[in-house]
N, C-alpha and C. Protein backbone atom coordinates (compact mmCIF):
# COMPACT_ATOMS: atom_id res chain seq x y z
N MET A 1 0.89 -0.73 -0.24
CA MET A 1 0.09 0.04 0.21
C MET A 1 1.08 1.16 -0.09
N TYR A 2 2.12 1.17 1.20
CA TYR A 2 2.59 2.36 0.74
C TYR A 2 3.28 2.75 -0.44
N GLY A 3 3.70 1.31 -0.94
CA GLY A 3 4.72 1.52 -2.18
C GLY A 3 3.31 1.83 -3.72
N GLU A 4 2.39 1.92 -3.12
CA GLU A 4 1.46 2.44 -4.62
C GLU A 4 1.56 4.08 -4.23
N LEU A 5 1.17 4.34 -2.57
CA LEU A 5 0.52 5.72 -2.81
C LEU A 5 1.75 6.41 -2.94
N MET A 6 3.37 6.01 -2.89
CA MET A 6 4.81 6.50 -3.72
C MET A 6 4.34 6.73 -4.56
N GLN A 7 4.11 5.60 -5.31
CA GLN A 7 4.08 5.71 -6.67
C GLN A 7 3.31 7.09 -7.57
N ILE A 8 1.70 6.92 -6.84
CA ILE A 8 0.70 7.90 -6.90
C ILE A 8 1.26 9.11 -6.64
N GLU A 9 2.21 9.58 -5.87
CA GLU A 9 3.14 10.72 -5.16
C GLU A 9 3.88 10.89 -6.45
N THR A 10 4.48 10.58 -6.35
CA THR A 10 5.40 10.27 -7.94
C THR A 10 5.20 10.62 -9.08
N LEU A 11 3.59 10.12 -9.55
CA LEU A 11 2.82 10.49 -10.58
C LEU A 11 2.64 11.70 -10.71
N VAL A 12 2.04 11.84 -9.55
CA VAL A 12 1.11 12.87 -9.46
C VAL A 12 2.26 14.66 -9.54
N GLU A 13 3.45 14.22 -8.89
CA GLU A 13 4.62 15.15 -9.14
C GLU A 13 4.85 15.75 -10.97
N ARG A 14 5.40 14.23 -11.22
CA ARG A 14 5.43 14.54 -12.75
C ARG A 14 4.49 15.11 -13.49
N VAL A 15 3.14 14.58 -13.42
CA VAL A 15 2.26 15.73 -13.94
C VAL A 15 2.49 16.88 -14.18
N ALA A 16 2.60 17.35 -12.89
CA ALA A 16 2.51 18.91 -12.57
C ALA A 16 3.98 19.81 -13.12
N GLU A 17 4.86 18.52 -13.66
CA GLU A 17 6.39 18.81 -14.37
C GLU A 17 5.96 19.25 -15.26
N LEU A 18 5.19 17.79 -15.95
CA LEU A 18 5.21 18.20 -17.34
C LEU A 18 3.84 19.38 -17.55
N LYS A 19 2.86 19.79 -16.75
CA LYS A 19 1.85 20.53 -16.99
C LYS A 19 2.95 22.08 -17.28
N GLU A 20 3.41 22.34 -16.12
CA GLU A 20 4.53 23.69 -16.10
C GLU A 20 6.01 23.59 -17.28
N ALA A 21 6.04 22.38 -17.75
CA ALA A 21 6.79 22.33 -19.21
C ALA A 21 5.99 22.64 -20.40
N ASN A 22 4.65 22.57 -20.31
CA ASN A 22 3.57 22.45 -21.57
C ASN A 22 3.20 23.84 -21.25
N ARG A 23 3.03 24.57 -20.42
CA ARG A 23 3.29 26.12 -20.27
C ARG A 23 3.92 26.76 -20.80
N ARG A 24 4.90 26.52 -20.63
CA ARG A 24 6.41 27.37 -21.29
C ARG A 24 6.84 26.69 -22.03
N LEU A 25 6.29 25.96 -23.01
CA LEU A 25 6.20 26.02 -24.56
C LEU A 25 4.62 26.13 -25.12
N GLN A 26 3.89 26.45 -24.59
CA GLN A 26 2.72 26.98 -24.88
C GLN A 26 3.10 28.69 -25.13
N THR A 27 4.17 29.62 -24.11
CA THR A 27 4.45 30.24 -23.99
C THR A 27 5.58 31.03 -24.77
N LEU A 28 6.26 29.82 -25.74
CA LEU A 28 7.23 30.11 -26.24
C LEU A 28 6.75 30.13 -27.55
N ASN A 29 5.61 29.03 -27.73
CA ASN A 29 5.04 28.78 -29.14
C ASN A 29 3.67 30.32 -29.44
N ALA A 30 3.42 30.97 -28.66
CA ALA A 30 2.82 32.27 -28.29
C ALA A 30 3.36 33.44 -28.71
N GLU A 31 5.16 33.01 -28.50
CA GLU A 31 6.42 34.46 -29.00
C GLU A 31 6.50 33.91 -30.16
N LEU A 32 6.41 32.78 -30.40
CA LEU A 32 7.13 32.60 -31.88
C LEU A 32 6.04 32.77 -33.19
N VAL A 33 4.84 32.63 -32.76
CA VAL A 33 3.85 32.95 -33.82
C VAL A 33 3.69 34.53 -33.85
N SER A 34 3.81 35.06 -32.47
CA SER A 34 4.02 36.62 -32.88
C SER A 34 5.07 37.26 -33.36
N ASP A 35 6.44 36.07 -33.22
CA ASP A 35 7.49 36.59 -34.31
C ASP A 35 7.15 36.50 -35.60
N LEU A 36 6.22 35.49 -36.02
CA LEU A 36 6.52 35.16 -37.32
C LEU A 36 5.30 36.09 -37.69
N LYS A 37 4.55 37.14 -37.09
CA LYS A 37 3.40 37.67 -38.00
C LYS A 37 4.40 38.72 -37.82
N GLU A 38 5.08 39.36 -37.21
CA GLU A 38 5.57 40.93 -37.31
C GLU A 38 6.54 40.87 -38.29
N ALA A 39 7.43 39.58 -38.29
CA ALA A 39 8.12 39.65 -39.46
C ALA A 39 7.51 39.28 -41.00
N GLN A 40 6.30 39.00 -40.59
CA GLN A 40 5.62 38.86 -42.30
C GLN A 40 5.12 40.14 -42.52
N LYS A 41 5.12 40.79 -41.61
CA LYS A 41 4.47 42.65 -41.77
C LYS A 41 5.53 42.75 -42.62
N GLY A 42 6.97 42.66 -41.92
CA GLY A 42 8.37 43.27 -42.48
C GLY A 42 8.49 42.57 -43.94
N TYR A 43 8.10 41.95 -43.99
CA TYR A 43 8.15 41.11 -45.55
C TYR A 43 7.25 41.81 -46.18
N ARG A 44 6.26 42.41 -46.31
CA ARG A 44 5.06 42.96 -46.79
C ARG A 44 5.63 44.37 -47.28
N VAL A 45 5.88 44.95 -46.05
CA VAL A 45 6.49 45.97 -46.02
C VAL A 45 7.37 46.03 -46.80
N ALA A 46 8.98 45.57 -46.92
CA ALA A 46 9.58 45.47 -47.98
C ALA A 46 9.14 44.93 -49.68
N ASP A 47 8.66 44.37 -49.52
CA ASP A 47 7.61 43.81 -50.80
C ASP A 47 7.25 45.31 -51.46
N MET A 48 6.69 45.72 -50.88
CA MET A 48 5.88 47.04 -51.42
C MET A 48 6.64 48.21 -51.57
N GLY A 49 8.30 48.26 -50.74
CA GLY A 49 9.19 48.75 -51.23
C GLY A 49 9.52 48.52 -52.54
N TRP A 50 9.93 47.27 -52.62
CA TRP A 50 10.73 46.79 -54.06
C TRP A 50 9.88 47.04 -55.15
N GLY A 51 8.74 46.79 -54.48
CA GLY A 51 7.97 47.01 -55.88
C GLY A 51 7.27 48.75 -56.51
N ALA A 52 7.89 49.52 -55.70
CA ALA A 52 7.98 51.36 -55.53
C ALA A 52 8.79 51.10 -55.72
N GLU A 53 10.49 51.05 -55.89
CA GLU A 53 11.64 50.96 -56.15
C GLU A 53 11.33 50.73 -57.44
N CYS A 54 11.10 49.54 -58.11
CA CYS A 54 10.66 48.69 -59.49
C CYS A 54 10.36 49.30 -60.65
N SER A 55 9.29 50.42 -59.96
CA SER A 55 7.98 51.27 -60.62
C SER A 55 8.50 52.54 -60.40
N ARG A 56 9.61 53.38 -59.62
CA ARG A 56 10.46 54.25 -59.99
C ARG A 56 11.25 53.89 -61.05
N LEU A 57 11.92 53.14 -61.40
CA LEU A 57 13.11 52.49 -62.24
C LEU A 57 12.35 52.06 -63.21
N HIS A 58 11.56 51.83 -63.70
CA HIS A 58 10.28 51.15 -64.84
C HIS A 58 10.11 52.90 -65.78
N HIS A 59 9.72 53.76 -64.40
CA HIS A 59 9.19 55.66 -65.09
C HIS A 59 10.54 56.24 -65.80
N GLU A 60 11.36 55.91 -64.93
CA GLU A 60 13.11 56.77 -65.32
C GLU A 60 13.38 55.98 -66.49
N ASN A 61 13.27 54.79 -66.80
CA ASN A 61 14.21 54.21 -67.84
C ASN A 61 12.97 54.68 -69.18
N GLU A 62 11.88 54.65 -68.84
CA GLU A 62 11.04 55.02 -69.52
C GLU A 62 11.84 57.06 -70.50
N ARG A 63 11.47 57.02 -69.34
CA ARG A 63 11.90 58.67 -69.44
C ARG A 63 13.02 59.36 -70.24
N LEU A 64 14.11 58.74 -69.69
CA LEU A 64 15.51 58.33 -70.42
C LEU A 64 15.43 57.59 -71.57
N ARG A 65 14.60 56.74 -72.40
CA ARG A 65 14.69 56.31 -73.66
C ARG A 65 13.80 57.04 -74.63
N LYS A 66 12.76 58.53 -73.64
CA LYS A 66 12.75 58.92 -74.93
C LYS A 66 13.43 60.40 -74.89
N GLU A 67 14.24 60.55 -74.35
CA GLU A 67 15.33 61.52 -74.09
C GLU A 67 15.97 60.92 -74.99
N ASN A 68 16.53 59.87 -75.07
CA ASN A 68 17.72 59.30 -75.89
C ASN A 68 17.44 59.27 -77.28
N GLU A 69 15.87 59.14 -77.67
CA GLU A 69 15.16 59.57 -79.21
C GLU A 69 14.77 60.80 -79.18
N ALA A 70 14.90 61.67 -78.56
CA ALA A 70 15.05 63.36 -78.67
C ALA A 70 16.16 63.65 -79.00
N TYR A 71 17.31 62.87 -78.54
CA TYR A 71 19.13 63.58 -78.65
C TYR A 71 18.95 62.67 -80.37
N LYS A 72 18.58 61.64 -80.73
CA LYS A 72 19.25 61.39 -81.65
C LYS A 72 18.31 61.64 -82.88
N ASP A 73 16.90 62.32 -83.08
CA ASP A 73 16.34 62.70 -83.90
C ASP A 73 17.06 64.19 -83.79
N MET A 74 17.45 64.68 -82.79
CA MET A 74 18.39 65.78 -82.66
C MET A 74 19.65 66.29 -83.36
N PHE A 75 20.62 65.33 -83.33
CA PHE A 75 21.76 64.79 -84.08
C PHE A 75 21.65 64.51 -85.41
N THR A 76 20.16 63.79 -85.56
CA THR A 76 20.20 63.45 -87.16
C THR A 76 19.76 64.84 -87.72
N ARG A 77 19.01 65.57 -87.03
CA ARG A 77 19.05 67.13 -87.74
C ARG A 77 19.92 68.11 -88.33
N MET A 78 21.07 68.05 -87.19
CA MET A 78 22.23 68.96 -86.93
C MET A 78 23.31 67.83 -88.42
N ARG A 79 22.99 66.51 -88.25
CA ARG A 79 23.87 66.10 -89.57
C ARG A 79 23.58 66.28 -90.88
N ASN A 80 22.01 66.61 -91.16
CA ASN A 80 21.37 66.72 -92.56
C ASN A 80 21.82 68.34 -92.49
N LEU A 81 21.30 68.97 -91.46
CA LEU A 81 21.78 70.45 -92.08
C LEU A 81 23.46 71.03 -92.11
N VAL A 82 24.24 69.77 -91.71
CA VAL A 82 25.83 69.89 -92.25
C VAL A 82 25.95 69.50 -93.32
N GLU A 83 25.47 68.25 -93.91
CA GLU A 83 25.13 67.96 -95.24
C GLU A 83 24.56 69.32 -96.03
N GLU A 84 23.84 69.80 -96.12
CA GLU A 84 23.45 70.58 -97.00
C GLU A 84 24.29 71.81 -96.53
N VAL A 85 24.59 72.39 -95.65
CA VAL A 85 25.50 73.13 -95.48
C VAL A 85 27.19 72.86 -96.80
N GLY A 86 27.49 71.84 -96.40
CA GLY A 86 28.82 71.50 -96.72
C GLY A 86 28.87 70.91 -98.83
N VAL A 87 27.28 70.94 -98.71
CA VAL A 87 27.01 70.90 -100.40
C VAL A 87 27.26 72.41 -101.27
């Protein structure tokens, strides 16, 4: 009988230890979930930043392309004028 009571007491203590360990794990899990949510927010913000930068670079590229075409046209006209004057 005494041996059975000791086993029960040991099991009760072990259950208490496991409950405490489980509580700590749940706390850590909640912290990890919170950290993951924050990381996802940061990722979305960074992704939006890259999207804005890509858009800005696209517009800059278009502006430079138009500028380049304008310079080509200007140099073509200048070459044609030089050829006319030289004739």
